[in-house]
Amino acid sequence: MDALSLFGLAAVSFTLLCYAKEAGSHWWTLGFAFGCVLGSIYGFLQGAWPFGVVELIWTVVSFRRWLNLRQDAPSAVEPLA
């Protein structure tokens, strides 16, 4: 297995892990967006530009979802009374 294939395997595996864990925390959604960036880089590097473009679109969609989830998440720090 060459380095590019190993990078692609790691990127897609990380994305899958984040997708599976998304319900647990909005941080997994951000991780999913990062995994999509890695997948897009892999697609462009291997010459599969349609895959790279679709992964870029997924990056935007998941990043926007993370922003919405982050706004809806309760604050971990409670104000002092």
PDB file of N, CA and C in Angstrom:
ATOM      1  N   MET A   1       0.855  -1.174   0.000  1.00  0.00           N
ATOM      2  CA  MET A   1       0.000   0.000   0.000  1.00  0.00           C
ATOM      3  C   MET A   1       0.899   1.234   0.000  1.00  0.00           C
ATOM      4  N   ASP A   2       0.656   2.119  -0.957  1.00  0.00           N
ATOM      5  CA  ASP A   2       1.463   3.337  -1.029  1.00  0.00           C
ATOM      6  C   ASP A   2       0.947   4.391  -0.040  1.00  0.00           C
ATOM      7  N   ALA A   3       1.700   5.465   0.107  1.00  0.00           N
ATOM      8  CA  ALA A   3       1.383   6.499   1.094  1.00  0.00           C
ATOM      9  C   ALA A   3       0.048   7.187   0.794  1.00  0.00           C
ATOM     10  N   LEU A   4      -0.254   7.414  -0.473  1.00  0.00           N
ATOM     11  CA  LEU A   4      -1.507   8.076  -0.830  1.00  0.00           C
ATOM     12  C   LEU A   4      -2.709   7.206  -0.456  1.00  0.00           C
ATOM     13  N   SER A   5      -2.618   5.910  -0.729  1.00  0.00           N
ATOM     14  CA  SER A   5      -3.707   5.003  -0.369  1.00  0.00           C
ATOM     15  C   SER A   5      -3.874   4.921   1.143  1.00  0.00           C
ATOM     16  N   LEU A   6      -2.783   4.926   1.868  1.00  0.00           N
ATOM     17  CA  LEU A   6      -2.836   4.902   3.329  1.00  0.00           C
ATOM     18  C   LEU A   6      -3.484   6.184   3.861  1.00  0.00           C
ATOM     19  N   PHE A   7      -3.130   7.313   3.271  1.00  0.00           N
ATOM     20  CA  PHE A   7      -3.746   8.592   3.649  1.00  0.00           C
ATOM     21  C   PHE A   7      -5.249   8.551   3.393  1.00  0.00           C
ATOM     22  N   GLY A   8      -5.660   8.042   2.235  1.00  0.00           N
ATOM     23  CA  GLY A   8      -7.079   7.946   1.910  1.00  0.00           C
ATOM     24  C   GLY A   8      -7.828   7.039   2.872  1.00  0.00           C
ATOM     25  N   LEU A   9      -7.227   5.909   3.206  1.00  0.00           N
ATOM     26  CA  LEU A   9      -7.837   4.992   4.160  1.00  0.00           C
ATOM     27  C   LEU A   9      -8.001   5.652   5.525  1.00  0.00           C
ATOM     28  N   ALA A  10      -6.980   6.366   5.967  1.00  0.00           N
ATOM     29  CA  ALA A  10      -7.054   7.054   7.262  1.00  0.00           C
ATOM     30  C   ALA A  10      -8.121   8.146   7.235  1.00  0.00           C
ATOM     31  N   ALA A  11      -8.191   8.915   6.144  1.00  0.00           N
ATOM     32  CA  ALA A  11      -9.166  10.003   6.041  1.00  0.00           C
ATOM     33  C   ALA A  11     -10.593   9.469   6.072  1.00  0.00           C
ATOM     34  N   VAL A  12     -10.858   8.440   5.282  1.00  0.00           N
ATOM     35  CA  VAL A  12     -12.209   7.884   5.217  1.00  0.00           C
ATOM     36  C   VAL A  12     -12.570   7.177   6.522  1.00  0.00           C
ATOM     37  N   SER A  13     -11.621   6.512   7.151  1.00  0.00           N
ATOM     38  CA  SER A  13     -11.880   5.849   8.430  1.00  0.00           C
ATOM     39  C   SER A  13     -12.196   6.869   9.519  1.00  0.00           C
ATOM     40  N   PHE A  14     -11.444   7.967   9.544  1.00  0.00           N
ATOM     41  CA  PHE A  14     -11.701   9.032  10.516  1.00  0.00           C
ATOM     42  C   PHE A  14     -13.081   9.633  10.293  1.00  0.00           C
ATOM     43  N   THR A  15     -13.451   9.863   9.040  1.00  0.00           N
ATOM     44  CA  THR A  15     -14.759  10.415   8.716  1.00  0.00           C
ATOM     45  C   THR A  15     -15.868   9.475   9.172  1.00  0.00           C
ATOM     46  N   LEU A  16     -15.694   8.189   8.941  1.00  0.00           N
ATOM     47  CA  LEU A  16     -16.680   7.198   9.362  1.00  0.00           C
ATOM     48  C   LEU A  16     -16.818   7.167  10.883  1.00  0.00           C
ATOM     49  N   LEU A  17     -15.714   7.204  11.597  1.00  0.00           N
ATOM     50  CA  LEU A  17     -15.750   7.233  13.059  1.00  0.00           C
ATOM     51  C   LEU A  17     -16.533   8.446  13.559  1.00  0.00           C
ATOM     52  N   CYS A  18     -16.237   9.603  12.996  1.00  0.00           N
ATOM     53  CA  CYS A  18     -16.926  10.832  13.413  1.00  0.00           C
ATOM     54  C   CYS A  18     -18.416  10.766  13.100  1.00  0.00           C
ATOM     55  N   TYR A  19     -18.756  10.203  11.953  1.00  0.00           N
ATOM     56  CA  TYR A  19     -20.161  10.061  11.578  1.00  0.00           C
ATOM     57  C   TYR A  19     -20.896   9.160  12.571  1.00  0.00           C
ATOM     58  N   ALA A  20     -20.255   8.075  12.960  1.00  0.00           N
ATOM     59  CA  ALA A  20     -20.867   7.136  13.899  1.00  0.00           C
ATOM     60  C   ALA A  20     -21.058   7.750  15.287  1.00  0.00           C
ATOM     61  N   LYS A  21     -20.196   8.686  15.674  1.00  0.00           N
ATOM     62  CA  LYS A  21     -20.224   9.285  17.008  1.00  0.00           C
ATOM     63  C   LYS A  21     -20.961  10.623  17.055  1.00  0.00           C
ATOM     64  N   GLU A  22     -21.443  11.105  15.918  1.00  0.00           N
ATOM     65  CA  GLU A  22     -22.021  12.454  15.838  1.00  0.00           C
ATOM     66  C   GLU A  22     -23.108  12.743  16.859  1.00  0.00           C
ATOM     67  N   ALA A  23     -23.917  11.764  17.192  1.00  0.00           N
ATOM     68  CA  ALA A  23     -25.017  11.997  18.128  1.00  0.00           C
ATOM     69  C   ALA A  23     -24.512  12.317  19.540  1.00  0.00           C
ATOM     70  N   GLY A  24     -23.281  11.962  19.846  1.00  0.00           N
ATOM     71  CA  GLY A  24     -22.750  12.161  21.189  1.00  0.00           C
ATOM     72  C   GLY A  24     -22.348  13.589  21.515  1.00  0.00           C
ATOM     73  N   SER A  25     -21.882  14.327  20.516  1.00  0.00           N
ATOM     74  CA  SER A  25     -21.387  15.676  20.764  1.00  0.00           C
ATOM     75  C   SER A  25     -21.253  16.429  19.444  1.00  0.00           C
ATOM     76  N   HIS A  26     -21.447  17.736  19.516  1.00  0.00           N
ATOM     77  CA  HIS A  26     -21.289  18.541  18.294  1.00  0.00           C
ATOM     78  C   HIS A  26     -19.831  18.570  17.825  1.00  0.00           C
ATOM     79  N   TRP A  27     -18.903  18.218  18.709  1.00  0.00           N
ATOM     80  CA  TRP A  27     -17.491  18.188  18.310  1.00  0.00           C
ATOM     81  C   TRP A  27     -17.232  17.076  17.297  1.00  0.00           C
ATOM     82  N   TRP A  28     -18.000  15.985  17.347  1.00  0.00           N
ATOM     83  CA  TRP A  28     -17.851  14.925  16.352  1.00  0.00           C
ATOM     84  C   TRP A  28     -18.306  15.417  14.980  1.00  0.00           C
ATOM     85  N   THR A  29     -19.282  16.329  14.960  1.00  0.00           N
ATOM     86  CA  THR A  29     -19.718  16.906  13.685  1.00  0.00           C
ATOM     87  C   THR A  29     -18.609  17.753  13.088  1.00  0.00           C
ATOM     88  N   LEU A  30     -17.899  18.497  13.923  1.00  0.00           N
ATOM     89  CA  LEU A  30     -16.747  19.256  13.436  1.00  0.00           C
ATOM     90  C   LEU A  30     -15.661  18.309  12.935  1.00  0.00           C
ATOM     91  N   GLY A  31     -15.444  17.219  13.654  1.00  0.00           N
ATOM     92  CA  GLY A  31     -14.488  16.215  13.197  1.00  0.00           C
ATOM     93  C   GLY A  31     -14.894  15.632  11.854  1.00  0.00           C
ATOM     94  N   PHE A  32     -16.195  15.410  11.656  1.00  0.00           N
ATOM     95  CA  PHE A  32     -16.693  14.912  10.376  1.00  0.00           C
ATOM     96  C   PHE A  32     -16.364  15.899   9.259  1.00  0.00           C
ATOM     97  N   ALA A  33     -16.550  17.190   9.527  1.00  0.00           N
ATOM     98  CA  ALA A  33     -16.214  18.210   8.524  1.00  0.00           C
ATOM     99  C   ALA A  33     -14.720  18.164   8.189  1.00  0.00           C
ATOM    100  N   PHE A  34     -13.880  18.007   9.208  1.00  0.00           N
ATOM    101  CA  PHE A  34     -12.445  17.904   8.980  1.00  0.00           C
ATOM    102  C   PHE A  34     -12.105  16.654   8.178  1.00  0.00           C
ATOM    103  N   GLY A  35     -12.774  15.549   8.483  1.00  0.00           N
ATOM    104  CA  GLY A  35     -12.573  14.326   7.720  1.00  0.00           C
ATOM    105  C   GLY A  35     -12.958  14.493   6.260  1.00  0.00           C
ATOM    106  N   CYS A  36     -14.010  15.270   6.011  1.00  0.00           N
ATOM    107  CA  CYS A  36     -14.417  15.552   4.627  1.00  0.00           C
ATOM    108  C   CYS A  36     -13.342  16.358   3.895  1.00  0.00           C
ATOM    109  N   VAL A  37     -12.709  17.293   4.595  1.00  0.00           N
ATOM    110  CA  VAL A  37     -11.598  18.046   3.996  1.00  0.00           C
ATOM    111  C   VAL A  37     -10.475  17.087   3.606  1.00  0.00           C
ATOM    112  N   LEU A  38     -10.143  16.183   4.516  1.00  0.00           N
ATOM    113  CA  LEU A  38      -9.087  15.204   4.230  1.00  0.00           C
ATOM    114  C   LEU A  38      -9.475  14.316   3.052  1.00  0.00           C
ATOM    115  N   GLY A  39     -10.741  13.900   3.004  1.00  0.00           N
ATOM    116  CA  GLY A  39     -11.216  13.094   1.890  1.00  0.00           C
ATOM    117  C   GLY A  39     -11.155  13.845   0.572  1.00  0.00           C
ATOM    118  N   SER A  40     -11.451  15.129   0.608  1.00  0.00           N
ATOM    119  CA  SER A  40     -11.371  15.952  -0.593  1.00  0.00           C
ATOM    120  C   SER A  40      -9.935  16.072  -1.079  1.00  0.00           C
ATOM    121  N   ILE A  41      -9.021  16.298  -0.154  1.00  0.00           N
ATOM    122  CA  ILE A  41      -7.602  16.371  -0.515  1.00  0.00           C
ATOM    123  C   ILE A  41      -7.165  15.067  -1.163  1.00  0.00           C
ATOM    124  N   TYR A  42      -7.571  13.961  -0.558  1.00  0.00           N
ATOM    125  CA  TYR A  42      -7.243  12.651  -1.126  1.00  0.00           C
ATOM    126  C   TYR A  42      -7.798  12.509  -2.543  1.00  0.00           C
ATOM    127  N   GLY A  43      -9.055  12.893  -2.732  1.00  0.00           N
ATOM    128  CA  GLY A  43      -9.660  12.780  -4.055  1.00  0.00           C
ATOM    129  C   GLY A  43      -8.908  13.573  -5.105  1.00  0.00           C
ATOM    130  N   PHE A  44      -8.548  14.799  -4.784  1.00  0.00           N
ATOM    131  CA  PHE A  44      -7.805  15.622  -5.750  1.00  0.00           C
ATOM    132  C   PHE A  44      -6.406  15.061  -5.998  1.00  0.00           C
ATOM    133  N   LEU A  45      -5.739  14.591  -4.944  1.00  0.00           N
ATOM    134  CA  LEU A  45      -4.385  14.060  -5.115  1.00  0.00           C
ATOM    135  C   LEU A  45      -4.349  12.794  -5.964  1.00  0.00           C
ATOM    136  N   GLN A  46      -5.383  11.980  -5.869  1.00  0.00           N
ATOM    137  CA  GLN A  46      -5.384  10.752  -6.654  1.00  0.00           C
ATOM    138  C   GLN A  46      -5.946  10.960  -8.052  1.00  0.00           C
ATOM    139  N   GLY A  47      -6.449  12.156  -8.333  1.00  0.00           N
ATOM    140  CA  GLY A  47      -6.949  12.465  -9.666  1.00  0.00           C
ATOM    141  C   GLY A  47      -8.438  12.245  -9.845  1.00  0.00           C
ATOM    142  N   ALA A  48      -9.150  11.947  -8.775  1.00  0.00           N
ATOM    143  CA  ALA A  48     -10.599  11.756  -8.846  1.00  0.00           C
ATOM    144  C   ALA A  48     -11.273  13.064  -8.427  1.00  0.00           C
ATOM    145  N   TRP A  49     -11.183  14.070  -9.302  1.00  0.00           N
ATOM    146  CA  TRP A  49     -11.673  15.396  -8.930  1.00  0.00           C
ATOM    147  C   TRP A  49     -13.165  15.429  -8.614  1.00  0.00           C
ATOM    148  N   PRO A  50     -14.038  14.597  -9.252  1.00  0.00           N
ATOM    149  CA  PRO A  50     -15.447  14.642  -8.820  1.00  0.00           C
ATOM    150  C   PRO A  50     -15.612  14.261  -7.351  1.00  0.00           C
ATOM    151  N   PHE A  51     -14.864  13.283  -6.888  1.00  0.00           N
ATOM    152  CA  PHE A  51     -14.886  12.893  -5.479  1.00  0.00           C
ATOM    153  C   PHE A  51     -14.407  14.057  -4.610  1.00  0.00           C
ATOM    154  N   GLY A  52     -13.347  14.721  -5.042  1.00  0.00           N
ATOM    155  CA  GLY A  52     -12.829  15.866  -4.296  1.00  0.00           C
ATOM    156  C   GLY A  52     -13.834  16.987  -4.182  1.00  0.00           C
ATOM    157  N   VAL A  53     -14.567  17.253  -5.266  1.00  0.00           N
ATOM    158  CA  VAL A  53     -15.578  18.318  -5.257  1.00  0.00           C
ATOM    159  C   VAL A  53     -16.733  17.963  -4.325  1.00  0.00           C
ATOM    160  N   VAL A  54     -17.208  16.725  -4.409  1.00  0.00           N
ATOM    161  CA  VAL A  54     -18.321  16.299  -3.552  1.00  0.00           C
ATOM    162  C   VAL A  54     -17.911  16.350  -2.082  1.00  0.00           C
ATOM    163  N   GLU A  55     -16.710  15.948  -1.776  1.00  0.00           N
ATOM    164  CA  GLU A  55     -16.232  16.018  -0.393  1.00  0.00           C
ATOM    165  C   GLU A  55     -16.133  17.468   0.092  1.00  0.00           C
ATOM    166  N   LEU A  56     -15.768  18.385  -0.793  1.00  0.00           N
ATOM    167  CA  LEU A  56     -15.764  19.806  -0.418  1.00  0.00           C
ATOM    168  C   LEU A  56     -17.172  20.284  -0.089  1.00  0.00           C
ATOM    169  N   ILE A  57     -18.143  19.841  -0.873  1.00  0.00           N
ATOM    170  CA  ILE A  57     -19.530  20.210  -0.601  1.00  0.00           C
ATOM    171  C   ILE A  57     -19.972  19.639   0.748  1.00  0.00           C
ATOM    172  N   TRP A  58     -19.618  18.383   1.026  1.00  0.00           N
ATOM    173  CA  TRP A  58     -19.938  17.786   2.318  1.00  0.00           C
ATOM    174  C   TRP A  58     -19.265  18.542   3.461  1.00  0.00           C
ATOM    175  N   THR A  59     -18.080  19.076   3.206  1.00  0.00           N
ATOM    176  CA  THR A  59     -17.393  19.872   4.227  1.00  0.00           C
ATOM    177  C   THR A  59     -18.229  21.087   4.598  1.00  0.00           C
ATOM    178  N   VAL A  60     -18.723  21.797   3.598  1.00  0.00           N
ATOM    179  CA  VAL A  60     -19.532  22.996   3.844  1.00  0.00           C
ATOM    180  C   VAL A  60     -20.819  22.628   4.578  1.00  0.00           C
ATOM    181  N   VAL A  61     -21.497  21.577   4.123  1.00  0.00           N
ATOM    182  CA  VAL A  61     -22.751  21.147   4.749  1.00  0.00           C
ATOM    183  C   VAL A  61     -22.520  20.769   6.213  1.00  0.00           C
ATOM    184  N   SER A  62     -21.513  19.973   6.474  1.00  0.00           N
ATOM    185  CA  SER A  62     -21.278  19.526   7.853  1.00  0.00           C
ATOM    186  C   SER A  62     -20.753  20.647   8.742  1.00  0.00           C
ATOM    187  N   PHE A  63     -19.971  21.566   8.188  1.00  0.00           N
ATOM    188  CA  PHE A  63     -19.504  22.695   8.990  1.00  0.00           C
ATOM    189  C   PHE A  63     -20.677  23.592   9.378  1.00  0.00           C
ATOM    190  N   ARG A  64     -21.602  23.822   8.462  1.00  0.00           N
ATOM    191  CA  ARG A  64     -22.791  24.625   8.781  1.00  0.00           C
ATOM    192  C   ARG A  64     -23.648  23.921   9.834  1.00  0.00           C
ATOM    193  N   ARG A  65     -23.743  22.592   9.724  1.00  0.00           N
ATOM    194  CA  ARG A  65     -24.490  21.834  10.722  1.00  0.00           C
ATOM    195  C   ARG A  65     -23.816  21.967  12.086  1.00  0.00           C
ATOM    196  N   TRP A  66     -22.465  21.925  12.108  1.00  0.00           N
ATOM    197  CA  TRP A  66     -21.750  22.092  13.372  1.00  0.00           C
ATOM    198  C   TRP A  66     -22.032  23.465  13.980  1.00  0.00           C
ATOM    199  N   LEU A  67     -22.026  24.508  13.152  1.00  0.00           N
ATOM    200  CA  LEU A  67     -22.318  25.848  13.661  1.00  0.00           C
ATOM    201  C   LEU A  67     -23.702  25.910  14.306  1.00  0.00           C
ATOM    202  N   ASN A  68     -24.683  25.306  13.654  1.00  0.00           N
ATOM    203  CA  ASN A  68     -26.038  25.290  14.215  1.00  0.00           C
ATOM    204  C   ASN A  68     -26.101  24.486  15.505  1.00  0.00           C
ATOM    205  N   LEU A  69     -25.455  23.337  15.538  1.00  0.00           N
ATOM    206  CA  LEU A  69     -25.456  22.514  16.745  1.00  0.00           C
ATOM    207  C   LEU A  69     -24.739  23.207  17.898  1.00  0.00           C
ATOM    208  N   ARG A  70     -23.669  23.898  17.590  1.00  0.00           N
ATOM    209  CA  ARG A  70     -22.887  24.591  18.620  1.00  0.00           C
ATOM    210  C   ARG A  70     -23.714  25.697  19.263  1.00  0.00           C
ATOM    211  N   GLN A  71     -24.520  26.395  18.466  1.00  0.00           N
ATOM    212  CA  GLN A  71     -25.375  27.454  19.008  1.00  0.00           C
ATOM    213  C   GLN A  71     -26.463  26.885  19.910  1.00  0.00           C
ATOM    214  N   ASP A  72     -26.935  25.682  19.565  1.00  0.00           N
ATOM    215  CA  ASP A  72     -28.010  25.058  20.339  1.00  0.00           C
ATOM    216  C   ASP A  72     -27.504  24.317  21.570  1.00  0.00           C
ATOM    217  N   ALA A  73     -26.201  24.043  21.635  1.00  0.00           N
ATOM    218  CA  ALA A  73     -25.652  23.261  22.751  1.00  0.00           C
ATOM    219  C   ALA A  73     -25.626  24.102  24.025  1.00  0.00           C
ATOM    220  N   PRO A  74     -25.972  23.479  25.159  1.00  0.00           N
ATOM    221  CA  PRO A  74     -25.883  24.216  26.423  1.00  0.00           C
ATOM    222  C   PRO A  74     -24.428  24.498  26.777  1.00  0.00           C
ATOM    223  N   SER A  75     -24.211  25.597  27.425  1.00  0.00           N
ATOM    224  CA  SER A  75     -22.870  25.978  27.829  1.00  0.00           C
ATOM    225  C   SER A  75     -22.357  25.054  28.922  1.00  0.00           C
ATOM    226  N   ALA A  76     -21.087  24.664  28.819  1.00  0.00           N
ATOM    227  CA  ALA A  76     -20.491  23.771  29.812  1.00  0.00           C
ATOM    228  C   ALA A  76     -20.137  24.521  31.091  1.00  0.00           C
ATOM    229  N   VAL A  77     -20.005  25.835  30.995  1.00  0.00           N
ATOM    230  CA  VAL A  77     -19.642  26.647  32.147  1.00  0.00           C
ATOM    231  C   VAL A  77     -20.885  27.391  32.624  1.00  0.00           C
ATOM    232  N   GLU A  78     -21.240  27.166  33.871  1.00  0.00           N
ATOM    233  CA  GLU A  78     -22.397  27.857  34.428  1.00  0.00           C
ATOM    234  C   GLU A  78     -21.954  29.183  35.039  1.00  0.00           C
ATOM    235  N   PRO A  79     -22.752  30.228  34.860  1.00  0.00           N
ATOM    236  CA  PRO A  79     -22.386  31.535  35.433  1.00  0.00           C
ATOM    237  C   PRO A  79     -22.441  31.507  36.961  1.00  0.00           C
ATOM    238  N   LEU A  80     -21.585  32.298  37.566  1.00  0.00           N
ATOM    239  CA  LEU A  80     -21.585  32.411  39.027  1.00  0.00           C
ATOM    240  C   LEU A  80     -22.748  33.278  39.468  1.00  0.00           C
ATOM    241  N   ALA A  81     -23.422  32.866  40.535  1.00  0.00           N
ATOM    242  CA  ALA A  81     -24.592  33.625  41.028  1.00  0.00           C
ATOM    243  C   ALA A  81     -24.181  34.633  42.053  1.00  0.00           C
TER     244      ALA A  81
END
